[in-house]
Amino acid sequence: MMSTIPAPAPILPRDHERISVWLVVAVTLLALLAGWGVRTSVENRARAVEQAGVSAAVPADWIVQEGFDELRLVTWNSQLPEERYSVSVLASVGDLSDAAAERSAERAQLLGTYRLLDEGPVVIGDREGYRVSFAYVPTGRPGLPVVVQGADHYFEESGGITVVSMESPEDRFDHALPRFLRFLATVEVEQP
């Protein structure tokens, strides 16, 4: 007795449509994943800089400017100049909260729209410090007003207080914070 092997079922047009849909979904997901990877690698690129005794890894496409007096390093986003970081070294004026209060009072005198949002102790990595969050609206600029949100991080260093600051348009602050924290982790101040 001879057995017959059934012929494979013919592929129906409807099956071709399902296969095509799944292929399009898979290719789209791969393209999105590749795009995310490229974007992440570009955003995370950094270069080492050293200015006035301060070294740090700044985002690769940012502009770097040497500071003056207490302000040692300033860097800003070439695509969005309102997003910037700075490093200042203050003479020791007591504890960190005293230095923060003095600096906030000075900023409030310079910027009539300055508002203190939050302040308190903070631990970044293994460094204990003090954080001040603030916001202001820059005046005297053309165009619509932009709210700038910022954060100052104060750390005691031998012989002084290092202040690492970030400012960004308020609507981008949360998005910009992780990159700033990577920058902050690389900041080193040369001790005299």
Protein backbone atom coordinates (compact mmCIF):
# COMPACT_ATOMS: atom_id res chain seq x y z
CA MET A 1 0.00 0.00 0.00
CA MET A 2 1.36 3.24 -1.00
CA SER A 3 0.99 6.24 1.20
CA THR A 4 0.62 9.62 -0.23
CA ILE A 5 2.15 12.71 1.20
CA PRO A 6 -0.26 15.56 1.21
CA ALA A 7 0.83 18.54 -0.80
CA PRO A 8 1.58 21.68 1.18
CA ALA A 9 -1.30 24.03 1.40
CA PRO A 10 -1.03 26.84 -1.09
CA ILE A 11 -0.16 30.26 0.36
CA LEU A 12 -3.20 32.38 0.16
CA PRO A 13 -3.06 36.09 -0.69
CA ARG A 14 -4.19 36.87 2.84
CA ASP A 15 -1.09 35.11 4.27
CA HIS A 16 1.14 37.25 2.03
CA GLU A 17 -0.46 40.36 3.51
CA ARG A 18 0.21 39.22 7.08
CA ILE A 19 3.85 38.41 6.29
CA SER A 20 4.27 41.83 4.67
CA VAL A 21 2.76 43.61 7.65
CA TRP A 22 5.07 41.79 10.09
CA LEU A 23 8.10 42.53 7.92
CA VAL A 24 7.21 46.24 7.83
CA VAL A 25 6.76 46.27 11.62
CA ALA A 26 10.12 44.51 12.16
CA VAL A 27 12.00 46.84 9.77
CA THR A 28 10.40 49.91 11.38
CA LEU A 29 11.37 48.75 14.88
CA LEU A 30 14.95 48.09 13.75
CA ALA A 31 15.16 51.55 12.14
CA LEU A 32 13.83 53.22 15.30
CA LEU A 33 16.29 51.29 17.46
CA ALA A 34 19.21 52.23 15.18
CA GLY A 35 18.13 55.90 15.19
CA TRP A 36 17.91 55.91 18.97
CA GLY A 37 21.40 54.40 19.18
CA VAL A 38 22.89 57.04 16.87
CA ARG A 39 21.15 59.86 18.75
CA THR A 40 22.32 58.56 22.12
CA SER A 41 25.92 58.18 20.98
CA VAL A 42 25.96 61.71 19.54
CA GLU A 43 24.42 63.22 22.68
CA ASN A 44 26.83 61.35 24.96
CA ARG A 45 30.02 62.32 23.11
CA ALA A 46 32.26 64.45 25.27
CA ARG A 47 35.67 66.07 25.14
CA ALA A 48 38.05 66.85 27.95
CA VAL A 49 38.78 70.52 28.65
CA GLU A 50 40.86 72.34 31.21
CA GLN A 51 40.39 76.01 32.06
CA ALA A 52 41.82 77.99 34.97
CA GLY A 53 42.53 74.93 37.10
CA VAL A 54 39.22 73.19 36.33
CA SER A 55 39.04 70.06 34.21
CA ALA A 56 35.85 68.43 32.98
CA ALA A 57 34.34 66.43 30.13
CA VAL A 58 31.97 68.73 28.23
CA PRO A 59 29.56 67.72 25.47
CA ALA A 60 31.56 67.51 22.22
CA ASP A 61 29.69 70.16 20.24
CA TRP A 62 29.46 72.75 23.04
CA ILE A 63 31.30 76.08 23.09
CA VAL A 64 33.83 76.50 25.94
CA GLN A 65 34.83 79.86 27.34
CA GLU A 66 37.31 80.63 30.05
CA GLY A 67 35.77 82.39 33.02
CA PHE A 68 37.18 85.15 35.18
CA ASP A 69 37.69 85.65 38.92
CA GLU A 70 35.61 83.03 40.76
CA LEU A 71 33.96 81.82 37.54
CA ARG A 72 36.51 79.37 36.11
CA LEU A 73 34.72 77.55 33.29
CA VAL A 74 31.66 78.29 31.17
CA THR A 75 30.28 76.03 28.44
CA TRP A 76 27.05 76.20 26.47
CA ASN A 77 25.11 74.25 23.89
CA SER A 78 25.93 75.54 20.39
CA GLN A 79 22.39 74.62 19.26
CA LEU A 80 20.61 76.10 22.29
CA PRO A 81 22.72 78.82 23.98
CA GLU A 82 20.32 79.07 26.95
CA GLU A 83 21.51 75.61 28.01
CA ARG A 84 24.82 76.12 29.82
CA TYR A 85 27.07 74.84 32.58
CA SER A 86 29.57 76.72 34.70
CA VAL A 87 32.09 75.99 37.41
CA SER A 88 33.00 78.57 40.03
CA VAL A 89 35.45 78.33 42.91
CA LEU A 90 34.54 80.47 45.93
CA ALA A 91 36.70 81.37 48.87
CA SER A 92 35.41 79.51 51.90
CA VAL A 93 32.69 81.65 53.51
CA GLY A 94 31.35 79.26 56.14
CA ASP A 95 29.24 76.25 55.39
CA LEU A 96 27.65 75.39 52.05
CA SER A 97 24.21 76.75 52.94
CA ASP A 98 25.77 80.14 53.82
CA ALA A 99 27.56 80.26 50.47
CA ALA A 100 24.31 79.30 48.71
CA ALA A 101 22.32 81.99 50.54
CA GLU A 102 24.88 84.66 49.67
CA ARG A 103 25.00 83.66 46.00
CA SER A 104 21.19 83.52 45.78
CA ALA A 105 20.92 87.02 47.28
CA GLU A 106 23.42 88.36 44.72
CA ARG A 107 21.55 86.69 41.86
CA ALA A 108 18.23 88.08 43.10
CA GLN A 109 19.68 91.62 43.03
CA LEU A 110 20.91 91.17 39.46
CA LEU A 111 17.81 89.41 38.15
CA GLY A 112 14.54 90.99 39.20
CA THR A 113 12.62 87.88 38.15
CA TYR A 114 14.82 85.43 40.10
CA ARG A 115 12.91 82.86 42.19
CA LEU A 116 14.35 80.27 44.54
CA LEU A 117 12.54 76.97 43.90
CA ASP A 118 14.17 74.53 46.29
CA GLU A 119 17.32 74.00 48.33
CA GLY A 120 18.86 71.39 50.56
CA PRO A 121 21.58 68.79 51.05
CA VAL A 122 22.38 66.50 48.14
CA VAL A 123 24.63 63.52 47.47
CA ILE A 124 25.98 63.13 43.94
CA GLY A 125 28.02 59.95 43.56
CA ASP A 126 30.20 59.94 46.66
CA ARG A 127 30.22 63.74 47.06
CA GLU A 128 28.07 65.37 49.72
CA GLY A 129 26.96 68.87 48.89
CA TYR A 130 24.18 71.41 48.82
CA ARG A 131 21.79 72.07 45.93
CA VAL A 132 19.85 75.22 45.06
CA SER A 133 17.19 75.14 42.31
CA PHE A 134 16.05 78.42 40.84
CA ALA A 135 14.30 80.05 37.88
CA TYR A 136 14.24 83.45 36.23
CA VAL A 137 13.13 85.20 33.05
CA PRO A 138 15.97 86.98 31.24
CA THR A 139 15.04 90.57 30.39
CA GLY A 140 16.18 92.80 27.57
CA ARG A 141 16.14 90.07 24.93
CA PRO A 142 14.11 90.23 21.74
CA GLY A 143 11.32 87.74 21.19
CA LEU A 144 9.04 85.94 23.56
CA PRO A 145 10.18 85.58 27.17
CA VAL A 146 11.73 82.24 28.11
CA VAL A 147 11.77 80.87 31.65
CA VAL A 148 15.25 79.63 32.51
CA GLN A 149 15.52 76.97 35.22
CA GLY A 150 18.79 76.28 36.95
CA ALA A 151 20.55 74.36 39.67
CA ASP A 152 23.70 75.16 41.63
CA HIS A 153 25.57 72.30 43.30
CA TYR A 154 27.95 73.33 46.11
CA PHE A 155 30.79 71.09 47.25
CA GLU A 156 33.47 71.72 49.86
CA GLU A 157 36.95 71.38 48.44
CA SER A 158 40.13 71.96 50.38
CA GLY A 159 40.62 75.69 50.46
CA GLY A 160 37.22 76.68 49.05
CA ILE A 161 33.81 75.82 47.71
CA THR A 162 33.23 74.54 44.18
CA VAL A 163 29.91 75.49 42.58
CA VAL A 164 28.84 73.51 39.51
CA SER A 165 25.82 75.10 37.83
CA MET A 166 23.39 74.30 35.06
CA GLU A 167 20.83 76.53 33.35
CA SER A 168 18.36 75.46 30.70
CA PRO A 169 15.00 76.57 29.29
CA GLU A 170 12.42 75.32 31.75
CA ASP A 171 10.69 73.06 29.22
CA ARG A 172 14.00 71.22 28.54
CA PHE A 173 15.38 71.11 32.08
CA ASP A 174 14.36 67.54 32.95
CA HIS A 175 15.63 66.29 29.59
CA ALA A 176 18.97 68.12 30.03
CA LEU A 177 19.57 67.04 33.65
CA PRO A 178 21.07 63.55 32.99
CA ARG A 179 23.74 65.01 30.68
CA PHE A 180 24.54 67.69 33.27
CA LEU A 181 24.96 65.03 35.97
CA ARG A 182 27.46 63.22 33.71
CA PHE A 183 29.34 66.53 33.33
CA LEU A 184 29.21 67.15 37.08
CA ALA A 185 30.76 63.74 37.78
CA THR A 186 33.81 64.71 35.68
CA VAL A 187 34.51 68.11 37.24
CA GLU A 188 37.82 68.31 39.07
CA VAL A 189 39.32 71.45 40.59
CA GLU A 190 43.08 71.75 40.90
CA GLN A 191 43.93 72.51 44.48
CA PRO A 192 46.43 75.35 45.10
